[in-house]
């Protein structure tokens, strides 16, 4: 699994249909925007590892201004958006290859399981909609953006 984390003061995701109609499916205040990609070899162990890493990662400032607090420490929320393009391989040619991305059924199941795991860990979760056209808006705090990949 691959995740791109952005520390935010606020973030939202809207699903946009073919007619241009918008539906807000998730919105948070302070916390993390998590763009989540699922790979072919991923399973429950990767879900648990990545969830634990993300909710306990100390990337929020303490009273001294040091990155010393986690998402759980600050009582922050997570906006989790599926992002298969994190598995795009652009080393060859001019078009990304997505052969390492999980097929949709597997990816959706693990995306939903990851959202459940983060909520079970104690962080409020908002979500996008799997395989939908989405527009994500955010105010990046810092800015702090990190890439995390399961071993």
Protein backbone atom coordinates (compact mmCIF):
# COMPACT_ATOMS: atom_id res chain seq x y z
CA UNK A 1 0.00 0.00 0.00
CA UNK A 2 1.07 3.53 -0.69
CA UNK A 3 -0.23 6.64 0.99
CA UNK A 4 0.41 10.29 0.38
CA UNK A 5 -0.28 12.20 3.61
CA UNK A 6 -0.97 15.88 3.79
CA UNK A 7 -1.34 17.61 7.15
CA UNK A 8 -4.32 19.92 6.72
CA UNK A 9 -6.25 22.58 8.55
CA UNK A 10 -9.24 21.51 6.42
CA UNK A 11 -9.98 19.30 3.43
CA UNK A 12 -13.00 18.15 1.45
CA UNK A 13 -13.85 15.81 -1.39
CA UNK A 14 -16.68 16.19 -3.90
CA UNK A 15 -17.88 13.52 -6.32
CA UNK A 16 -18.69 15.02 -9.72
CA UNK A 17 -21.04 13.15 -12.06
CA UNK A 18 -21.14 13.29 -15.87
CA UNK A 19 -23.63 16.17 -15.75
CA UNK A 20 -21.30 18.23 -13.55
CA UNK A 21 -23.41 17.78 -10.43
CA UNK A 22 -21.40 17.78 -7.19
CA UNK A 23 -21.94 15.76 -4.05
CA UNK A 24 -19.75 16.39 -1.01
CA UNK A 25 -18.86 12.97 0.38
CA UNK A 26 -16.29 13.99 2.98
CA UNK A 27 -15.03 17.01 4.84
CA UNK A 28 -12.69 17.44 7.81
CA UNK A 29 -11.12 20.15 9.91
CA UNK A 30 -7.60 19.70 11.30
CA UNK A 31 -6.07 16.33 10.52
CA UNK A 32 -4.77 14.33 7.57
CA UNK A 33 -5.75 14.00 3.95
CA UNK A 34 -4.75 10.44 3.03
CA UNK A 35 -4.51 9.56 -0.66
CA UNK A 36 -4.42 5.75 -0.62
CA UNK A 37 -3.19 3.39 -3.31
CA UNK A 38 -3.57 -0.39 -3.08
CA UNK A 39 -1.16 -2.78 -4.77
CA UNK A 40 -1.71 -6.30 -6.10
CA UNK A 41 0.25 -7.92 -3.26
CA UNK A 42 -1.55 -6.04 -0.46
CA UNK A 43 -3.73 -7.63 2.20
CA UNK A 44 -4.84 -7.31 5.82
CA UNK A 45 -1.26 -7.16 7.17
CA UNK A 46 -0.53 -4.09 5.02
CA UNK A 47 -3.79 -2.45 6.13
CA UNK A 48 -2.87 -2.91 9.81
CA UNK A 49 0.74 -1.75 9.35
CA UNK A 50 -0.19 1.38 7.39
CA UNK A 51 -3.04 2.30 9.72
CA UNK A 52 -0.80 2.01 12.78
CA UNK A 53 1.93 4.06 11.10
CA UNK A 54 -0.41 6.84 10.00
CA UNK A 55 -2.46 7.34 13.17
CA UNK A 56 0.68 7.36 15.36
CA UNK A 57 3.02 9.31 13.06
CA UNK A 58 4.20 12.37 14.98
CA UNK A 59 3.79 15.14 12.43
CA UNK A 60 1.68 17.65 14.35
CA UNK A 61 3.29 20.40 16.38
CA UNK A 62 3.38 20.41 20.17
CA UNK A 63 3.44 23.51 22.38
CA UNK A 64 7.14 24.03 21.57
CA UNK A 65 6.49 23.99 17.81
CA UNK A 66 8.13 20.58 17.29
CA UNK A 67 6.55 17.74 15.30
CA UNK A 68 5.81 15.62 18.33
CA UNK A 69 2.08 14.84 18.25
CA UNK A 70 0.10 12.26 16.28
CA UNK A 71 -3.30 12.40 14.65
CA UNK A 72 -4.72 10.64 17.71
CA UNK A 73 -2.92 13.02 20.09
CA UNK A 74 -4.53 16.09 18.52
CA UNK A 75 -7.97 14.50 18.12
CA UNK A 76 -7.72 15.07 14.36
CA UNK A 77 -9.73 13.47 11.59
CA UNK A 78 -8.71 11.64 8.42
CA UNK A 79 -10.13 12.24 4.95
CA UNK A 80 -9.26 9.07 3.02
CA UNK A 81 -9.45 9.12 -0.77
CA UNK A 82 -8.70 6.14 -3.02
CA UNK A 83 -5.89 6.96 -5.44
CA UNK A 84 -4.84 4.10 -7.71
CA UNK A 85 -2.57 6.46 -9.64
CA UNK A 86 -0.08 6.23 -6.76
CA UNK A 87 0.84 2.94 -8.45
CA UNK A 88 1.46 4.59 -11.81
CA UNK A 89 4.86 3.66 -13.20
CA UNK A 90 6.23 6.38 -15.48
CA UNK A 91 9.79 5.11 -15.91
CA UNK A 92 9.17 4.03 -19.51
CA UNK A 93 7.27 5.79 -22.25
CA UNK A 94 4.91 8.70 -21.85
CA UNK A 95 1.85 6.94 -20.48
CA UNK A 96 1.73 5.58 -16.90
CA UNK A 97 1.49 1.83 -16.44
CA UNK A 98 -0.76 0.61 -13.65
CA UNK A 99 0.13 -3.10 -13.70
CA UNK A 100 1.14 -3.02 -10.00
CA UNK A 101 -2.18 -1.51 -8.87
CA UNK A 102 -4.70 -3.93 -7.37
CA UNK A 103 -7.75 -4.82 -9.46
CA UNK A 104 -10.84 -2.79 -8.49
CA UNK A 105 -12.60 -5.44 -6.39
CA UNK A 106 -9.50 -6.11 -4.26
CA UNK A 107 -8.59 -2.42 -4.06
CA UNK A 108 -12.06 -1.37 -2.93
CA UNK A 109 -12.22 -4.05 -0.24
CA UNK A 110 -8.84 -3.03 1.17
CA UNK A 111 -9.64 0.69 0.88
CA UNK A 112 -12.83 0.14 2.92
CA UNK A 113 -10.96 -2.05 5.41
CA UNK A 114 -8.30 0.66 5.82
CA UNK A 115 -10.99 3.28 6.50
CA UNK A 116 -12.52 0.96 9.13
CA UNK A 117 -9.12 0.36 10.75
CA UNK A 118 -8.40 4.09 11.08
CA UNK A 119 -11.84 4.63 12.65
CA UNK A 120 -11.30 1.68 15.00
CA UNK A 121 -7.97 3.23 16.04
CA UNK A 122 -9.88 6.29 17.22
CA UNK A 123 -9.72 8.87 14.42
CA UNK A 124 -12.92 10.16 12.81
CA UNK A 125 -12.95 9.18 9.13
CA UNK A 126 -14.50 10.82 6.09
CA UNK A 127 -14.17 9.29 2.63
CA UNK A 128 -14.32 9.81 -1.07
CA UNK A 129 -16.15 7.37 -3.35
CA UNK A 130 -14.22 4.52 -4.90
CA UNK A 131 -13.84 4.72 -8.72
CA UNK A 132 -15.71 8.03 -8.89
CA UNK A 133 -14.47 11.26 -10.46
CA UNK A 134 -13.58 13.39 -7.44
CA UNK A 135 -12.34 16.88 -6.73
CA UNK A 136 -10.25 17.22 -3.59
CA UNK A 137 -9.67 20.57 -1.94
CA UNK A 138 -7.37 21.20 0.99
CA UNK A 139 -5.44 23.71 2.98
CA UNK A 140 -2.05 22.09 3.54
CA UNK A 141 -0.75 22.99 7.00
CA UNK A 142 2.97 23.71 7.02
CA UNK A 143 3.02 22.55 4.26
CA UNK A 144 3.63 18.99 5.45
CA UNK A 145 3.37 16.24 2.85
CA UNK A 146 4.79 12.73 3.32
CA UNK A 147 4.83 9.55 1.32
CA UNK A 148 4.45 6.26 3.21
CA UNK A 149 4.73 2.78 1.73
CA UNK A 150 4.28 -0.59 3.41
CA UNK A 151 7.41 -2.75 3.68
